[in-house]
C-alpha atoms as a PDB file:
ATOM      1  CA  MET A   1      45.427  73.023 138.007  1.00  0.00           C
ATOM      2  CA  THR A   2      47.693  70.753 140.009  1.00  0.00           C
ATOM      3  CA  GLY A   3      51.149  69.259 139.681  1.00  0.00           C
ATOM      4  CA  SER A   4      54.455  70.648 138.483  1.00  0.00           C
ATOM      5  CA  TRP A   5      54.760  72.787 135.378  1.00  0.00           C
ATOM      6  CA  GLU A   6      56.617  69.910 133.717  1.00  0.00           C
ATOM      7  CA  ALA A   7      53.560  67.708 134.286  1.00  0.00           C
ATOM      8  CA  ARG A   8      51.350  70.419 132.827  1.00  0.00           C
ATOM      9  CA  TYR A   9      53.527  70.652 129.713  1.00  0.00           C
ATOM     10  CA  ALA A  10      53.336  66.882 129.303  1.00  0.00           C
ATOM     11  CA  ALA A  11      49.545  67.009 129.679  1.00  0.00           C
ATOM     12  CA  GLU A  12      49.336  69.663 126.950  1.00  0.00           C
ATOM     13  CA  PHE A  13      51.535  67.542 124.662  1.00  0.00           C
ATOM     14  CA  PHE A  14      49.508  64.371 125.055  1.00  0.00           C
ATOM     15  CA  GLY A  15      46.205  66.230 125.005  1.00  0.00           C
ATOM     16  CA  ALA A  16      47.057  67.956 121.721  1.00  0.00           C
ATOM     17  CA  LEU A  17      48.284  64.640 120.325  1.00  0.00           C
ATOM     18  CA  ILE A  18      44.953  62.975 121.142  1.00  0.00           C
ATOM     19  CA  LEU A  19      42.985  65.932 119.764  1.00  0.00           C
ATOM     20  CA  VAL A  20      44.723  65.793 116.388  1.00  0.00           C
ATOM     21  CA  LEU A  21      44.778  62.003 116.294  1.00  0.00           C
ATOM     22  CA  LEU A  22      41.024  61.716 116.833  1.00  0.00           C
ATOM     23  CA  GLY A  23      40.013  64.858 114.930  1.00  0.00           C
ATOM     24  CA  ASN A  24      42.212  64.679 111.847  1.00  0.00           C
ATOM     25  CA  GLY A  25      41.962  60.887 112.015  1.00  0.00           C
ATOM     26  CA  ALA A  26      38.209  61.233 111.533  1.00  0.00           C
ATOM     27  CA  VAL A  27      38.862  63.522 108.550  1.00  0.00           C
ATOM     28  CA  ALA A  28      41.221  60.931 107.072  1.00  0.00           C
ATOM     29  CA  ASN A  29      38.587  58.231 107.510  1.00  0.00           C
ATOM     30  CA  ALA A  30      36.011  60.445 105.764  1.00  0.00           C
ATOM     31  CA  PHE A  31      38.206  61.830 102.970  1.00  0.00           C
ATOM     32  CA  LEU A  32      40.703  59.165 101.951  1.00  0.00           C
ATOM     33  CA  LYS A  33      39.989  56.460  99.418  1.00  0.00           C
ATOM     34  CA  ASN A  34      38.960  52.938 100.432  1.00  0.00           C
ATOM     35  CA  THR A  35      38.738  53.578 104.161  1.00  0.00           C
ATOM     36  CA  THR A  36      35.944  52.043 106.196  1.00  0.00           C
ATOM     37  CA  GLY A  37      34.418  55.512 106.558  1.00  0.00           C
ATOM     38  CA  ASN A  38      34.399  56.414 102.880  1.00  0.00           C
ATOM     39  CA  ASP A  39      34.760  54.446  99.663  1.00  0.00           C
ATOM     40  CA  ASP A  40      35.677  57.603  97.719  1.00  0.00           C
ATOM     41  CA  PRO A  41      37.373  60.866  98.701  1.00  0.00           C
ATOM     42  CA  GLY A  42      34.898  63.458  99.901  1.00  0.00           C
ATOM     43  CA  LEU A  43      32.134  63.706 102.438  1.00  0.00           C
ATOM     44  CA  ALA A  44      29.971  60.736 101.515  1.00  0.00           C
ATOM     45  CA  ASN A  45      28.412  58.332 104.008  1.00  0.00           C
ATOM     46  CA  GLY A  46      27.769  60.958 106.695  1.00  0.00           C
ATOM     47  CA  GLY A  47      31.418  61.964 106.752  1.00  0.00           C
ATOM     48  CA  TRP A  48      30.847  65.418 108.239  1.00  0.00           C
ATOM     49  CA  LEU A  49      29.109  63.978 111.288  1.00  0.00           C
ATOM     50  CA  LEU A  50      32.023  61.553 111.579  1.00  0.00           C
ATOM     51  CA  VAL A  51      34.438  64.492 111.551  1.00  0.00           C
ATOM     52  CA  ALA A  52      32.405  66.487 114.094  1.00  0.00           C
ATOM     53  CA  SER A  53      32.307  63.503 116.434  1.00  0.00           C
ATOM     54  CA  GLY A  54      36.052  62.991 116.107  1.00  0.00           C
ATOM     55  CA  TYR A  55      36.867  66.556 117.082  1.00  0.00           C
ATOM     56  CA  GLY A  56      34.272  66.656 119.857  1.00  0.00           C
ATOM     57  CA  LEU A  57      35.663  63.516 121.446  1.00  0.00           C
ATOM     58  CA  GLY A  58      39.192  64.677 120.685  1.00  0.00           C
ATOM     59  CA  VAL A  59      38.641  67.623 123.026  1.00  0.00           C
ATOM     60  CA  MET A  60      36.344  65.987 125.583  1.00  0.00           C
ATOM     61  CA  LEU A  61      38.475  62.938 126.381  1.00  0.00           C
ATOM     62  CA  PRO A  62      41.751  64.804 127.019  1.00  0.00           C
ATOM     63  CA  ALA A  63      39.746  67.252 129.158  1.00  0.00           C
ATOM     64  CA  MET A  64      38.641  64.353 131.350  1.00  0.00           C
ATOM     65  CA  MET A  65      42.153  62.904 131.416  1.00  0.00           C
ATOM     66  CA  PHE A  66      44.309  66.000 131.833  1.00  0.00           C
ATOM     67  CA  GLY A  67      42.036  68.938 132.647  1.00  0.00           C
ATOM     68  CA  SER A  68      42.878  68.889 136.349  1.00  0.00           C
ATOM     69  CA  ILE A  69      46.596  68.947 135.532  1.00  0.00           C
ATOM     70  CA  SER A  70      47.050  71.585 132.834  1.00  0.00           C
ATOM     71  CA  GLY A  71      43.619  73.136 132.373  1.00  0.00           C
ATOM     72  CA  ASN A  72      43.395  71.286 129.059  1.00  0.00           C
ATOM     73  CA  HIS A  73      44.107  74.266 126.824  1.00  0.00           C
ATOM     74  CA  LEU A  74      45.406  72.203 123.849  1.00  0.00           C
ATOM     75  CA  ASN A  75      45.076  75.431 121.877  1.00  0.00           C
ATOM     76  CA  PRO A  76      47.493  78.376 121.677  1.00  0.00           C
ATOM     77  CA  ALA A  77      44.548  80.739 121.213  1.00  0.00           C
ATOM     78  CA  ILE A  78      43.149  79.736 124.619  1.00  0.00           C
ATOM     79  CA  THR A  79      46.539  80.046 126.316  1.00  0.00           C
ATOM     80  CA  ILE A  80      47.216  83.487 124.838  1.00  0.00           C
ATOM     81  CA  GLY A  81      43.663  84.673 125.457  1.00  0.00           C
ATOM     82  CA  GLN A  82      43.808  83.687 129.116  1.00  0.00           C
ATOM     83  CA  ALA A  83      47.200  85.359 129.492  1.00  0.00           C
ATOM     84  CA  VAL A  84      45.861  88.581 127.954  1.00  0.00           C
ATOM     85  CA  ILE A  85      43.164  88.887 130.618  1.00  0.00           C
ATOM     86  CA  GLY A  86      45.492  87.845 133.440  1.00  0.00           C
ATOM     87  CA  ILE A  87      44.267  84.355 134.379  1.00  0.00           C
ATOM     88  CA  PHE A  88      47.325  82.524 132.990  1.00  0.00           C
ATOM     89  CA  PRO A  89      50.962  83.519 133.637  1.00  0.00           C
ATOM     90  CA  TRP A  90      52.812  84.943 130.619  1.00  0.00           C
ATOM     91  CA  ALA A  91      55.988  83.201 131.780  1.00  0.00           C
ATOM     92  CA  HIS A  92      54.485  79.835 130.845  1.00  0.00           C
ATOM     93  CA  VAL A  93      52.785  80.812 127.584  1.00  0.00           C
ATOM     94  CA  ALA A  94      55.743  79.922 125.347  1.00  0.00           C
ATOM     95  CA  PRO A  95      56.279  76.440 126.874  1.00  0.00           C
ATOM     96  CA  TYR A  96      52.556  75.697 126.612  1.00  0.00           C
ATOM     97  CA  LEU A  97      52.542  76.718 122.948  1.00  0.00           C
ATOM     98  CA  ILE A  98      55.659  74.687 122.153  1.00  0.00           C
ATOM     99  CA  TRP A  99      54.258  71.493 123.685  1.00  0.00           C
ATOM    100  CA  GLN A 100      50.863  72.032 122.064  1.00  0.00           C
ATOM    101  CA  PHE A 101      52.479  72.325 118.631  1.00  0.00           C
ATOM    102  CA  LEU A 102      54.729  69.306 119.251  1.00  0.00           C
ATOM    103  CA  GLY A 103      51.714  67.256 120.331  1.00  0.00           C
ATOM    104  CA  ALA A 104      49.809  68.255 117.196  1.00  0.00           C
ATOM    105  CA  ILE A 105      52.777  67.300 115.016  1.00  0.00           C
ATOM    106  CA  ALA A 106      53.143  63.936 116.773  1.00  0.00           C
ATOM    107  CA  GLY A 107      49.426  63.185 116.384  1.00  0.00           C
ATOM    108  CA  GLN A 108      49.550  63.989 112.670  1.00  0.00           C
ATOM    109  CA  CYS A 109      52.608  61.776 112.183  1.00  0.00           C
ATOM    110  CA  LEU A 110      50.658  58.876 113.682  1.00  0.00           C
ATOM    111  CA  ILE A 111      47.762  59.533 111.276  1.00  0.00           C
ATOM    112  CA  LEU A 112      50.163  59.608 108.334  1.00  0.00           C
ATOM    113  CA  ALA A 113      51.657  56.274 109.386  1.00  0.00           C
ATOM    114  CA  LEU A 114      48.304  54.571 110.020  1.00  0.00           C
ATOM    115  CA  TYR A 115      46.615  55.823 106.833  1.00  0.00           C
ATOM    116  CA  TRP A 116      49.676  55.549 104.563  1.00  0.00           C
ATOM    117  CA  PRO A 117      48.119  52.976 102.156  1.00  0.00           C
ATOM    118  CA  HIS A 118      45.046  55.188 101.775  1.00  0.00           C
ATOM    119  CA  TYR A 119      47.122  58.286 101.085  1.00  0.00           C
ATOM    120  CA  ARG A 120      48.767  56.338  98.295  1.00  0.00           C
ATOM    121  CA  GLN A 121      45.362  55.496  96.807  1.00  0.00           C
ATOM    122  CA  THR A 122      43.931  59.030  97.099  1.00  0.00           C
ATOM    123  CA  THR A 123      44.805  61.149  94.056  1.00  0.00           C
ATOM    124  CA  ASP A 124      42.793  64.235  95.090  1.00  0.00           C
ATOM    125  CA  ASN A 125      45.418  66.665  96.415  1.00  0.00           C
ATOM    126  CA  GLU A 126      42.855  68.802  98.225  1.00  0.00           C
ATOM    127  CA  ALA A 127      41.370  65.772  99.977  1.00  0.00           C
ATOM    128  CA  VAL A 128      44.859  64.835 101.146  1.00  0.00           C
ATOM    129  CA  LEU A 129      45.539  68.356 102.444  1.00  0.00           C
ATOM    130  CA  GLY A 130      42.158  68.341 104.190  1.00  0.00           C
ATOM    131  CA  THR A 131      43.369  65.564 106.478  1.00  0.00           C
ATOM    132  CA  PHE A 132      46.206  67.847 107.624  1.00  0.00           C
ATOM    133  CA  ALA A 133      45.058  71.469 107.546  1.00  0.00           C
ATOM    134  CA  THR A 134      42.209  73.799 106.677  1.00  0.00           C
ATOM    135  CA  SER A 135      41.520  76.086 103.719  1.00  0.00           C
ATOM    136  CA  ASP A 136      38.878  78.579 102.667  1.00  0.00           C
ATOM    137  CA  HIS A 137      36.582  77.013 100.115  1.00  0.00           C
ATOM    138  CA  ALA A 138      35.401  80.417  98.846  1.00  0.00           C
ATOM    139  CA  ASN A 139      39.028  81.318  98.000  1.00  0.00           C
ATOM    140  CA  SER A 140      38.745  84.366 100.253  1.00  0.00           C
ATOM    141  CA  GLN A 141      41.183  84.925 103.081  1.00  0.00           C
ATOM    142  CA  LEU A 142      38.807  87.542 104.473  1.00  0.00           C
ATOM    143  CA  ASN A 143      35.981  84.999 104.627  1.00  0.00           C
ATOM    144  CA  GLY A 144      38.327  82.521 106.253  1.00  0.00           C
ATOM    145  CA  PHE A 145      39.512  85.068 108.816  1.00  0.00           C
ATOM    146  CA  VAL A 146      35.993  86.121 109.783  1.00  0.00           C
ATOM    147  CA  THR A 147      34.830  82.491 110.017  1.00  0.00           C
ATOM    148  CA  GLU A 148      37.732  81.424 112.232  1.00  0.00           C
ATOM    149  CA  MET A 149      37.574  84.558 114.388  1.00  0.00           C
ATOM    150  CA  VAL A 150      33.825  84.345 115.033  1.00  0.00           C
ATOM    151  CA  GLY A 151      33.903  80.569 115.496  1.00  0.00           C
ATOM    152  CA  THR A 152      36.719  80.726 118.047  1.00  0.00           C
ATOM    153  CA  ALA A 153      35.077  83.632 119.888  1.00  0.00           C
ATOM    154  CA  VAL A 154      31.849  81.643 120.252  1.00  0.00           C
ATOM    155  CA  LEU A 155      33.761  78.514 121.253  1.00  0.00           C
ATOM    156  CA  ILE A 156      35.810  80.239 123.963  1.00  0.00           C
ATOM    157  CA  PHE A 157      32.834  82.248 125.233  1.00  0.00           C
ATOM    158  CA  GLY A 158      30.874  79.002 125.587  1.00  0.00           C
ATOM    159  CA  ALA A 159      33.733  77.063 127.153  1.00  0.00           C
ATOM    160  CA  MET A 160      34.463  79.758 129.738  1.00  0.00           C
ATOM    161  CA  GLY A 161      30.778  79.832 130.624  1.00  0.00           C
ATOM    162  CA  LEU A 162      30.603  76.057 130.989  1.00  0.00           C
ATOM    163  CA  TYR A 163      33.635  75.809 133.252  1.00  0.00           C
ATOM    164  CA  ARG A 164      32.715  78.814 135.382  1.00  0.00           C
ATOM    165  CA  GLY A 165      28.949  78.473 135.474  1.00  0.00           C
ATOM    166  CA  MET A 166      27.335  77.875 138.858  1.00  0.00           C
ATOM    167  CA  PHE A 167      25.894  74.482 137.884  1.00  0.00           C
ATOM    168  CA  PHE A 168      28.984  73.061 136.168  1.00  0.00           C
ATOM    169  CA  HIS A 169      31.513  74.506 138.601  1.00  0.00           C
ATOM    170  CA  GLN A 170      30.807  71.659 141.009  1.00  0.00           C
ATOM    171  CA  ASN A 171      30.904  68.966 138.320  1.00  0.00           C
ATOM    172  CA  ILE A 172      33.757  69.521 135.898  1.00  0.00           C
ATOM    173  CA  ASP A 173      33.175  66.269 134.010  1.00  0.00           C
ATOM    174  CA  ILE A 174      29.728  67.456 132.930  1.00  0.00           C
ATOM    175  CA  ALA A 175      31.347  70.687 131.757  1.00  0.00           C
ATOM    176  CA  ASN A 176      33.897  68.609 129.817  1.00  0.00           C
ATOM    177  CA  ILE A 177      31.069  66.786 128.050  1.00  0.00           C
ATOM    178  CA  GLY A 178      29.476  70.142 127.300  1.00  0.00           C
ATOM    179  CA  VAL A 179      32.695  71.439 125.721  1.00  0.00           C
ATOM    180  CA  GLY A 180      32.980  68.295 123.591  1.00  0.00           C
ATOM    181  CA  LEU A 181      29.429  68.794 122.364  1.00  0.00           C
ATOM    182  CA  LEU A 182      30.165  72.470 121.744  1.00  0.00           C
ATOM    183  CA  ILE A 183      33.163  71.577 119.565  1.00  0.00           C
ATOM    184  CA  ALA A 184      31.078  69.070 117.598  1.00  0.00           C
ATOM    185  CA  ALA A 185      28.323  71.669 117.129  1.00  0.00           C
ATOM    186  CA  MET A 186      30.848  74.241 115.936  1.00  0.00           C
ATOM    187  CA  VAL A 187      32.219  71.834 113.318  1.00  0.00           C
ATOM    188  CA  ILE A 188      28.728  70.943 112.117  1.00  0.00           C
ATOM    189  CA  SER A 189      27.382  74.500 112.052  1.00  0.00           C
ATOM    190  CA  LEU A 190      30.411  76.649 111.155  1.00  0.00           C
ATOM    191  CA  GLY A 191      32.644  74.094 109.474  1.00  0.00           C
ATOM    192  CA  GLY A 192      31.420  74.723 105.947  1.00  0.00           C
ATOM    193  CA  PRO A 193      33.614  77.676 104.929  1.00  0.00           C
ATOM    194  CA  THR A 194      36.976  76.583 106.368  1.00  0.00           C
ATOM    195  CA  GLY A 195      36.942  73.279 108.180  1.00  0.00           C
ATOM    196  CA  PRO A 196      37.169  74.879 110.770  1.00  0.00           C
ATOM    197  CA  THR A 197      40.393  74.929 112.769  1.00  0.00           C
ATOM    198  CA  LEU A 198      39.608  77.173 115.818  1.00  0.00           C
ATOM    199  CA  ASN A 199      43.100  76.208 116.983  1.00  0.00           C
ATOM    200  CA  PRO A 200      46.469  77.394 115.575  1.00  0.00           C
ATOM    201  CA  ALA A 201      48.331  74.250 116.713  1.00  0.00           C
ATOM    202  CA  ARG A 202      45.785  71.912 115.129  1.00  0.00           C
ATOM    203  CA  ASP A 203      46.382  73.590 111.746  1.00  0.00           C
ATOM    204  CA  LEU A 204      49.990  74.781 111.674  1.00  0.00           C
ATOM    205  CA  GLY A 205      51.534  71.652 113.206  1.00  0.00           C
ATOM    206  CA  PRO A 206      49.930  69.221 110.718  1.00  0.00           C
ATOM    207  CA  ARG A 207      50.532  71.681 107.850  1.00  0.00           C
ATOM    208  CA  LEU A 208      54.260  71.498 108.639  1.00  0.00           C
ATOM    209  CA  VAL A 209      54.039  67.697 108.487  1.00  0.00           C
ATOM    210  CA  HIS A 210      52.306  67.968 105.093  1.00  0.00           C
ATOM    211  CA  ALA A 211      55.021  70.296 103.799  1.00  0.00           C
ATOM    212  CA  LEU A 212      58.065  68.483 105.153  1.00  0.00           C
ATOM    213  CA  PHE A 213      57.154  64.798 104.883  1.00  0.00           C
ATOM    214  CA  PRO A 214      56.952  62.761 101.658  1.00  0.00           C
ATOM    215  CA  VAL A 215      53.158  62.501 101.777  1.00  0.00           C
ATOM    216  CA  PRO A 216      51.835  60.504  98.780  1.00  0.00           C
ATOM    217  CA  ASN A 217      49.813  62.504  96.247  1.00  0.00           C
ATOM    218  CA  LYS A 218      50.218  65.771  98.091  1.00  0.00           C
ATOM    219  CA  GLY A 219      49.923  69.083  96.334  1.00  0.00           C
ATOM    220  CA  SER A 220      50.492  72.557  97.702  1.00  0.00           C
ATOM    221  CA  SER A 221      50.484  73.166 101.457  1.00  0.00           C
ATOM    222  CA  HIS A 222      48.884  76.557 100.710  1.00  0.00           C
ATOM    223  CA  TRP A 223      51.178  78.599 102.915  1.00  0.00           C
ATOM    224  CA  GLU A 224      49.603  81.768 101.533  1.00  0.00           C
ATOM    225  CA  TYR A 225      46.527  80.916 103.642  1.00  0.00           C
ATOM    226  CA  SER A 226      48.335  79.488 106.669  1.00  0.00           C
ATOM    227  CA  TRP A 227      48.420  82.778 108.610  1.00  0.00           C
ATOM    228  CA  VAL A 228      44.602  82.871 108.790  1.00  0.00           C
ATOM    229  CA  PRO A 229      44.072  79.788 111.029  1.00  0.00           C
ATOM    230  CA  VAL A 230      46.874  81.067 113.290  1.00  0.00           C
ATOM    231  CA  VAL A 231      45.960  84.738 113.734  1.00  0.00           C
ATOM    232  CA  ALA A 232      42.168  84.619 113.483  1.00  0.00           C
ATOM    233  CA  PRO A 233      41.618  82.106 116.336  1.00  0.00           C
ATOM    234  CA  ILE A 234      43.871  84.153 118.629  1.00  0.00           C
ATOM    235  CA  VAL A 235      41.875  87.316 117.908  1.00  0.00           C
ATOM    236  CA  GLY A 236      38.635  85.375 118.379  1.00  0.00           C
ATOM    237  CA  ALA A 237      39.809  83.862 121.662  1.00  0.00           C
ATOM    238  CA  VAL A 238      40.633  87.247 123.147  1.00  0.00           C
ATOM    239  CA  ILE A 239      37.203  88.554 122.100  1.00  0.00           C
ATOM    240  CA  GLY A 240      35.444  85.439 123.454  1.00  0.00           C
ATOM    241  CA  ILE A 241      37.214  85.531 126.802  1.00  0.00           C
END
C-alpha cells in the first residue's frame, strides 16, 4: 500500500461506494418492477447472473483503481481478519471500518435515488429489502450464520491465495480479475440461502438506509437477523485468513 492514511481511508470510502452501487444496483435491476433487467419483482430473465456479475465487477474494478493505495479491503471482515493475524495495524482498523460503512451508505443512497420510481412501483416488501440487505430464506439464523461464515472463509482463503500466490504476485491486475470472478462464483454457488453478504458493511450500511429513509413500499428491516451478516463474516474471515 502507498500514500497517506488519509488517502487510504478515501480509497476505502470510494471503493465501498462502488461495490454497493454496482452490486446492490444489480439487485435493484433484477428485483424491482419495470426495470430494464426485470419486468416483475423476482429473479426472472437471468437475474441471478446479473446480480453475480454486479458484485464481481463491484469488487474487481475498485481493486484495480484503489488496490495499490488501501489494499482494497472494502470489507470490515477483511480488515479485522488481517489485524487479528498481524498483517494490518489495529490502530487503523476503526477508521477503515468507519469509511467502509460510510461508503456503503453513500452507494445505497445513490441506488435509492436512481431507482426511486421503481421502488414506488414495487409492492413486494421483501423484494424491496433485498435491494438493501440480506436475509435467510429458510427462516433460520443458524443456517444464515453457517452460510455467511463458510462463504466468507472460502472467499478470504481464495483471495489471500490469489494475491500472495507465486504466479499472481508479479501481476496484481490478474489477481484482481481472479478475485472478481471468485466473488461472482460465490454469489452464484452460495447465494441461495442468504444472498449472500460476505461483508458486514455491504449489509449493515444499506440496512440502516432502509430503516431510516422513507423508502416506498418498505416493510420490516428485520433487525432480528442483522447481527448474522455482521458477526458471521468476521468469524469466517479470521478462519479463512
